[in-house]
Structure formats: C-alpha cells, structure tokens
Amino acid sequence: MLRYLWLLCFLLPWGLGQAARVAEQRLGPEGGTLQIPGIRVLVPPGALLTSVRFRLERLQAVPTSPPQNEVFFIQTLPDREVVGIYRLSSGATSFLKPIEIELRVNPPYRPGGRVIKSVVYAWNGRGYVSFQVPSSRETFHLSRLELGVGAGAGGYPAGLVLAVIRAPEENLRQECQAQGGRWTGASCERR
C-alpha cells in the first residue's frame, strides 16, 4: 500500500504539470472551447458538421524558425521574451464558421510605463505571418476558417503554430541602429 501511495505522489505533480500544457478533446456541431494557460480556442456552434478531435499544446520551441528577414525583427533580439509557443492540431482542415483564438500577449498596461512591442507569429505549415500587438493590449484575437495541412502533430492532419514574443521598444531601437537600420517605431528599415 505504501508503495502505491509513493508512486501516486511521484506521478501526481508530473501529471498536473502536463494537464496545464495540453488540452485534447472531441468537439462536434455544438462547438466548444479548448484552453491552456496563455491561449484559448473557441469553436463556435455550426463550425463543424461532425465530431472532430482537437489538441492544444504548449511547445518548448517552434517547429521551424520564423524567417529572419521579416520587417519586424524581434526574433533576432538577444534579450527578447518568449511569452509562449502553442500548437493547435485538428482532424479538420476547414470550418464552416471561423474559429476564434485568443492569446495572452502583454502584462497589464500601465500608462507611462515601458513601451513593450509584442509580435505574434502564426505558422500554417507553409510559412509565417506576423502580427504586431501594441503594449496597451493584453490579448490578441485571431479568426481562422482553415488550418494548415502539415502543421498538426500527433496524427492530426492540420494545425497552426503560434509564437508570442515581446521586447522593450528601446532595446529594439538600439539593436536596429546597431545593425545599421533606421527604427520607425514599428519596424527596423534596412538602409
């Protein structure tokens, strides 16, 4: 009996940690929500005709590095903060109504505080698209009618990887100027 109790005590913390990193469930025409810390995915009623499996997980690294030639070069900054990297995998590649994705991107805004620039990279299996988020917004919303074929994991045919990265604007400006660029307040233009 003590052996089983010891085994349970050993496995319980690991299992709880994993539960916060992964949400997996089957959703049908009535829709539903998947959520882990930092991200929430809403599949609205009527988005699916049949029951479909979904998996939402937090990753340690992106499956393919974001391109370094993006206009917004936050991914090259040595002191950036990776807020979270998430993968949504699905048995469905398209939806009848858009699914809604909400990401936590910034700490609560304080007027007069440090200006933080955040960017969300979305990878659909073919390439990245980036979205800048002002420091006054704590969350970022994205709607999708389809997921990328090949971006899913674990036997799911479709998916989307989202990486949230942020850094103080003064660090971005200094790095841009050190690389010979001109900081515009939103991007680093190469000369």
C-alpha atoms as a PDB file:
ATOM      1  CA  MET A   1       0.000   0.000   0.000  1.00  0.00           C
ATOM      2  CA  LEU A   2       2.797   2.419   0.840  1.00  0.00           C
ATOM      3  CA  ARG A   3       4.443   1.641  -2.490  1.00  0.00           C
ATOM      4  CA  TYR A   4       1.292   2.674  -4.382  1.00  0.00           C
ATOM      5  CA  LEU A   5       0.976   5.843  -2.325  1.00  0.00           C
ATOM      6  CA  TRP A   6       4.619   6.718  -3.025  1.00  0.00           C
ATOM      7  CA  LEU A   7       4.109   6.063  -6.759  1.00  0.00           C
ATOM      8  CA  LEU A   8       0.987   8.253  -6.784  1.00  0.00           C
ATOM      9  CA  CYS A   9       2.848  11.077  -5.000  1.00  0.00           C
ATOM     10  CA  PHE A  10       5.649  10.790  -7.558  1.00  0.00           C
ATOM     11  CA  LEU A  11       3.393  10.812 -10.626  1.00  0.00           C
ATOM     12  CA  LEU A  12       0.751  13.314  -9.489  1.00  0.00           C
ATOM     13  CA  PRO A  13       2.855  16.502  -9.823  1.00  0.00           C
ATOM     14  CA  TRP A  14       4.070  15.404 -13.257  1.00  0.00           C
ATOM     15  CA  GLY A  15       0.545  14.719 -14.423  1.00  0.00           C
ATOM     16  CA  LEU A  16      -0.743  18.035 -13.156  1.00  0.00           C
ATOM     17  CA  GLY A  17       2.061  19.877 -14.955  1.00  0.00           C
ATOM     18  CA  GLN A  18       1.205  18.090 -18.179  1.00  0.00           C
ATOM     19  CA  ALA A  19      -2.501  18.882 -17.818  1.00  0.00           C
ATOM     20  CA  ALA A  20      -1.733  22.607 -17.910  1.00  0.00           C
ATOM     21  CA  ARG A  21       0.344  22.154 -21.081  1.00  0.00           C
ATOM     22  CA  VAL A  22      -2.102  20.086 -23.162  1.00  0.00           C
ATOM     23  CA  ALA A  23      -5.863  20.098 -23.781  1.00  0.00           C
ATOM     24  CA  GLU A  24      -7.331  17.453 -26.037  1.00  0.00           C
ATOM     25  CA  GLN A  25     -10.976  16.776 -26.802  1.00  0.00           C
ATOM     26  CA  ARG A  26     -13.528  15.915 -29.436  1.00  0.00           C
ATOM     27  CA  LEU A  27     -15.865  18.749 -30.482  1.00  0.00           C
ATOM     28  CA  GLY A  28     -18.991  18.485 -32.596  1.00  0.00           C
ATOM     29  CA  PRO A  29     -21.507  20.742 -34.352  1.00  0.00           C
ATOM     30  CA  GLU A  30     -22.416  22.290 -30.968  1.00  0.00           C
ATOM     31  CA  GLY A  31     -18.858  23.715 -30.731  1.00  0.00           C
ATOM     32  CA  GLY A  32     -16.758  24.108 -27.620  1.00  0.00           C
ATOM     33  CA  THR A  33     -13.613  25.558 -26.075  1.00  0.00           C
ATOM     34  CA  LEU A  34     -10.054  24.349 -25.565  1.00  0.00           C
ATOM     35  CA  GLN A  35      -7.871  26.267 -23.136  1.00  0.00           C
ATOM     36  CA  ILE A  36      -4.458  26.105 -21.506  1.00  0.00           C
ATOM     37  CA  PRO A  37      -2.631  28.951 -19.743  1.00  0.00           C
ATOM     38  CA  GLY A  38      -1.924  31.705 -22.280  1.00  0.00           C
ATOM     39  CA  ILE A  39      -4.325  30.610 -25.039  1.00  0.00           C
ATOM     40  CA  ARG A  40      -7.993  29.872 -25.570  1.00  0.00           C
ATOM     41  CA  VAL A  41      -9.580  28.432 -28.734  1.00  0.00           C
ATOM     42  CA  LEU A  42     -13.333  28.753 -29.328  1.00  0.00           C
ATOM     43  CA  VAL A  43     -15.009  26.589 -31.953  1.00  0.00           C
ATOM     44  CA  PRO A  44     -18.433  28.226 -32.417  1.00  0.00           C
ATOM     45  CA  PRO A  45     -21.661  26.265 -32.850  1.00  0.00           C
ATOM     46  CA  GLY A  46     -22.126  25.371 -36.509  1.00  0.00           C
ATOM     47  CA  ALA A  47     -18.407  25.463 -37.403  1.00  0.00           C
ATOM     48  CA  LEU A  48     -18.311  21.658 -37.753  1.00  0.00           C
ATOM     49  CA  LEU A  49     -20.693  19.182 -39.397  1.00  0.00           C
ATOM     50  CA  THR A  50     -19.374  16.155 -37.498  1.00  0.00           C
ATOM     51  CA  SER A  51     -17.365  15.393 -34.378  1.00  0.00           C
ATOM     52  CA  VAL A  52     -13.648  16.274 -34.753  1.00  0.00           C
ATOM     53  CA  ARG A  53     -10.650  15.761 -32.456  1.00  0.00           C
ATOM     54  CA  PHE A  54      -8.621  18.802 -31.371  1.00  0.00           C
ATOM     55  CA  ARG A  55      -5.358  19.127 -29.445  1.00  0.00           C
ATOM     56  CA  LEU A  56      -3.947  22.345 -27.978  1.00  0.00           C
ATOM     57  CA  GLU A  57      -0.439  22.234 -26.520  1.00  0.00           C
ATOM     58  CA  ARG A  58       2.344  24.480 -25.310  1.00  0.00           C
ATOM     59  CA  LEU A  59       5.652  23.831 -27.108  1.00  0.00           C
ATOM     60  CA  GLN A  60       9.239  24.352 -25.985  1.00  0.00           C
ATOM     61  CA  ALA A  61      10.390  25.616 -29.412  1.00  0.00           C
ATOM     62  CA  VAL A  62       8.926  26.426 -32.804  1.00  0.00           C
ATOM     63  CA  PRO A  63       8.978  23.561 -35.338  1.00  0.00           C
ATOM     64  CA  THR A  64      10.526  25.820 -37.990  1.00  0.00           C
ATOM     65  CA  SER A  65      12.281  29.084 -37.128  1.00  0.00           C
ATOM     66  CA  PRO A  66      10.490  32.270 -38.144  1.00  0.00           C
ATOM     67  CA  PRO A  67      12.223  33.892 -41.116  1.00  0.00           C
ATOM     68  CA  GLN A  68      14.930  36.337 -40.104  1.00  0.00           C
ATOM     69  CA  ASN A  69      14.106  38.745 -42.933  1.00  0.00           C
ATOM     70  CA  GLU A  70      10.712  39.808 -41.554  1.00  0.00           C
ATOM     71  CA  VAL A  71      10.153  43.566 -41.351  1.00  0.00           C
ATOM     72  CA  PHE A  72       9.658  43.287 -37.594  1.00  0.00           C
ATOM     73  CA  PHE A  73      12.906  41.688 -36.407  1.00  0.00           C
ATOM     74  CA  ILE A  74      12.050  40.946 -32.770  1.00  0.00           C
ATOM     75  CA  GLN A  75      13.038  37.288 -33.199  1.00  0.00           C
ATOM     76  CA  THR A  76      16.719  38.305 -33.643  1.00  0.00           C
ATOM     77  CA  LEU A  77      16.903  40.334 -30.421  1.00  0.00           C
ATOM     78  CA  PRO A  78      19.054  38.582 -27.787  1.00  0.00           C
ATOM     79  CA  ASP A  79      17.008  39.817 -24.790  1.00  0.00           C
ATOM     80  CA  ARG A  80      13.527  39.166 -26.144  1.00  0.00           C
ATOM     81  CA  GLU A  81      10.968  37.323 -24.031  1.00  0.00           C
ATOM     82  CA  VAL A  82       9.204  34.311 -25.476  1.00  0.00           C
ATOM     83  CA  VAL A  83       5.754  34.554 -23.888  1.00  0.00           C
ATOM     84  CA  GLY A  84       4.532  31.243 -25.282  1.00  0.00           C
ATOM     85  CA  ILE A  85       4.637  28.883 -28.227  1.00  0.00           C
ATOM     86  CA  TYR A  86       1.458  26.938 -28.892  1.00  0.00           C
ATOM     87  CA  ARG A  87       0.253  24.355 -31.418  1.00  0.00           C
ATOM     88  CA  LEU A  88      -3.394  23.783 -32.284  1.00  0.00           C
ATOM     89  CA  SER A  89      -3.879  20.455 -34.085  1.00  0.00           C
ATOM     90  CA  SER A  90      -7.146  19.277 -35.605  1.00  0.00           C
ATOM     91  CA  GLY A  91      -8.741  16.486 -37.573  1.00  0.00           C
ATOM     92  CA  ALA A  92     -10.451  19.196 -39.662  1.00  0.00           C
ATOM     93  CA  THR A  93      -8.654  21.416 -42.161  1.00  0.00           C
ATOM     94  CA  SER A  94     -11.505  23.897 -42.673  1.00  0.00           C
ATOM     95  CA  PHE A  95     -14.532  25.201 -40.797  1.00  0.00           C
ATOM     96  CA  LEU A  96     -17.994  26.470 -41.749  1.00  0.00           C
ATOM     97  CA  LYS A  97     -17.606  29.378 -39.308  1.00  0.00           C
ATOM     98  CA  PRO A  98     -14.300  30.889 -38.165  1.00  0.00           C
ATOM     99  CA  ILE A  99     -12.711  29.527 -35.020  1.00  0.00           C
ATOM    100  CA  GLU A 100     -11.579  32.212 -32.568  1.00  0.00           C
ATOM    101  CA  ILE A 101      -8.127  32.143 -30.949  1.00  0.00           C
ATOM    102  CA  GLU A 102      -7.286  34.408 -28.015  1.00  0.00           C
ATOM    103  CA  LEU A 103      -3.651  34.750 -26.888  1.00  0.00           C
ATOM    104  CA  ARG A 104      -2.302  36.472 -23.790  1.00  0.00           C
ATOM    105  CA  VAL A 105       0.479  38.731 -25.135  1.00  0.00           C
ATOM    106  CA  ASN A 106       1.255  41.501 -22.647  1.00  0.00           C
ATOM    107  CA  PRO A 107       1.168  42.182 -18.918  1.00  0.00           C
ATOM    108  CA  PRO A 108      -1.488  44.654 -17.699  1.00  0.00           C
ATOM    109  CA  TYR A 109      -0.897  48.071 -19.293  1.00  0.00           C
ATOM    110  CA  ARG A 110       0.409  50.902 -17.144  1.00  0.00           C
ATOM    111  CA  PRO A 111       0.316  54.369 -18.752  1.00  0.00           C
ATOM    112  CA  GLY A 112       3.739  55.990 -18.596  1.00  0.00           C
ATOM    113  CA  GLY A 113       5.468  52.629 -18.184  1.00  0.00           C
ATOM    114  CA  ARG A 114       7.954  50.968 -20.510  1.00  0.00           C
ATOM    115  CA  VAL A 115       6.700  50.581 -24.071  1.00  0.00           C
ATOM    116  CA  ILE A 116       6.649  46.894 -24.937  1.00  0.00           C
ATOM    117  CA  LYS A 117       6.427  45.684 -28.527  1.00  0.00           C
ATOM    118  CA  SER A 118       4.877  42.273 -28.988  1.00  0.00           C
ATOM    119  CA  VAL A 119       4.556  40.167 -32.089  1.00  0.00           C
ATOM    120  CA  VAL A 120       2.547  37.011 -32.767  1.00  0.00           C
ATOM    121  CA  TYR A 121       3.915  34.646 -35.422  1.00  0.00           C
ATOM    122  CA  ALA A 122       1.399  32.238 -36.947  1.00  0.00           C
ATOM    123  CA  TRP A 123       2.808  29.205 -38.834  1.00  0.00           C
ATOM    124  CA  ASN A 124       0.421  27.202 -41.024  1.00  0.00           C
ATOM    125  CA  GLY A 125       2.880  24.580 -42.294  1.00  0.00           C
ATOM    126  CA  ARG A 126       3.964  26.639 -45.307  1.00  0.00           C
ATOM    127  CA  GLY A 127       5.168  29.906 -43.802  1.00  0.00           C
ATOM    128  CA  TYR A 128       4.872  32.516 -41.093  1.00  0.00           C
ATOM    129  CA  VAL A 129       2.633  35.550 -40.881  1.00  0.00           C
ATOM    130  CA  SER A 130       3.406  38.117 -38.185  1.00  0.00           C
ATOM    131  CA  PHE A 131       1.064  40.440 -36.299  1.00  0.00           C
ATOM    132  CA  GLN A 132       2.259  43.343 -34.141  1.00  0.00           C
ATOM    133  CA  VAL A 133       0.396  43.977 -30.892  1.00  0.00           C
ATOM    134  CA  PRO A 134       0.528  47.343 -29.076  1.00  0.00           C
ATOM    135  CA  SER A 135       1.626  47.350 -25.425  1.00  0.00           C
ATOM    136  CA  SER A 136      -1.801  48.669 -24.377  1.00  0.00           C
ATOM    137  CA  ARG A 137      -3.448  45.335 -25.321  1.00  0.00           C
ATOM    138  CA  GLU A 138      -3.205  42.327 -23.019  1.00  0.00           C
ATOM    139  CA  THR A 139      -4.697  39.874 -25.512  1.00  0.00           C
ATOM    140  CA  PHE A 140      -4.637  39.247 -29.255  1.00  0.00           C
ATOM    141  CA  HIS A 141      -7.547  37.707 -31.189  1.00  0.00           C
ATOM    142  CA  LEU A 142      -7.254  35.750 -34.409  1.00  0.00           C
ATOM    143  CA  SER A 143     -10.023  34.161 -36.512  1.00  0.00           C
ATOM    144  CA  ARG A 144      -9.385  31.230 -38.842  1.00  0.00           C
ATOM    145  CA  LEU A 145     -11.581  29.438 -41.384  1.00  0.00           C
ATOM    146  CA  GLU A 146      -8.854  26.861 -42.052  1.00  0.00           C
ATOM    147  CA  LEU A 147      -5.774  25.316 -40.511  1.00  0.00           C
ATOM    148  CA  GLY A 148      -2.583  24.474 -42.363  1.00  0.00           C
ATOM    149  CA  VAL A 149      -2.152  20.972 -43.730  1.00  0.00           C
ATOM    150  CA  GLY A 150       1.022  19.510 -42.249  1.00  0.00           C
ATOM    151  CA  ALA A 151       1.164  21.883 -39.284  1.00  0.00           C
ATOM    152  CA  GLY A 152      -0.617  19.470 -36.942  1.00  0.00           C
ATOM    153  CA  ALA A 153       1.144  16.921 -34.748  1.00  0.00           C
ATOM    154  CA  GLY A 154       0.453  13.501 -33.293  1.00  0.00           C
ATOM    155  CA  GLY A 155      -1.536  12.133 -36.219  1.00  0.00           C
ATOM    156  CA  TYR A 156      -3.639  15.269 -36.749  1.00  0.00           C
ATOM    157  CA  PRO A 157      -3.596  16.361 -40.416  1.00  0.00           C
ATOM    158  CA  ALA A 158      -3.983  20.112 -39.840  1.00  0.00           C
ATOM    159  CA  GLY A 159      -2.793  22.707 -37.409  1.00  0.00           C
ATOM    160  CA  LEU A 160      -1.471  26.136 -36.569  1.00  0.00           C
ATOM    161  CA  VAL A 161       1.575  27.109 -34.513  1.00  0.00           C
ATOM    162  CA  LEU A 162       1.512  30.447 -32.696  1.00  0.00           C
ATOM    163  CA  ALA A 163       4.594  32.056 -31.129  1.00  0.00           C
ATOM    164  CA  VAL A 164       4.238  35.147 -28.915  1.00  0.00           C
ATOM    165  CA  ILE A 165       7.416  37.203 -28.448  1.00  0.00           C
ATOM    166  CA  ARG A 166       7.910  40.635 -26.841  1.00  0.00           C
ATOM    167  CA  ALA A 167      10.672  43.102 -26.000  1.00  0.00           C
ATOM    168  CA  PRO A 168      11.014  46.692 -24.741  1.00  0.00           C
ATOM    169  CA  GLU A 169      10.914  49.189 -27.616  1.00  0.00           C
ATOM    170  CA  GLU A 170      14.162  50.882 -26.549  1.00  0.00           C
ATOM    171  CA  ASN A 171      16.000  47.552 -26.910  1.00  0.00           C
ATOM    172  CA  LEU A 172      14.537  47.097 -30.389  1.00  0.00           C
ATOM    173  CA  ARG A 173      15.575  50.617 -31.387  1.00  0.00           C
ATOM    174  CA  GLN A 174      19.141  50.119 -30.091  1.00  0.00           C
ATOM    175  CA  GLU A 175      19.528  46.759 -31.830  1.00  0.00           C
ATOM    176  CA  CYS A 176      18.137  48.185 -35.077  1.00  0.00           C
ATOM    177  CA  GLN A 177      20.596  51.087 -35.015  1.00  0.00           C
ATOM    178  CA  ALA A 178      23.481  48.757 -34.095  1.00  0.00           C
ATOM    179  CA  GLN A 179      22.688  46.746 -37.254  1.00  0.00           C
ATOM    180  CA  GLY A 180      22.735  49.917 -39.373  1.00  0.00           C
ATOM    181  CA  GLY A 181      18.968  50.204 -39.676  1.00  0.00           C
ATOM    182  CA  ARG A 182      16.505  53.025 -39.009  1.00  0.00           C
ATOM    183  CA  TRP A 183      13.895  52.441 -36.280  1.00  0.00           C
ATOM    184  CA  THR A 184      10.462  53.693 -37.368  1.00  0.00           C
ATOM    185  CA  GLY A 185       8.689  52.995 -34.099  1.00  0.00           C
ATOM    186  CA  ALA A 186       7.158  49.828 -35.532  1.00  0.00           C
ATOM    187  CA  SER A 187       9.916  48.232 -37.600  1.00  0.00           C
ATOM    188  CA  CYS A 188      13.591  48.288 -38.480  1.00  0.00           C
ATOM    189  CA  GLU A 189      14.183  49.500 -42.020  1.00  0.00           C
ATOM    190  CA  ARG A 190      17.416  48.413 -43.625  1.00  0.00           C
ATOM    191  CA  ARG A 191      19.447  51.137 -45.283  1.00  0.00           C
END
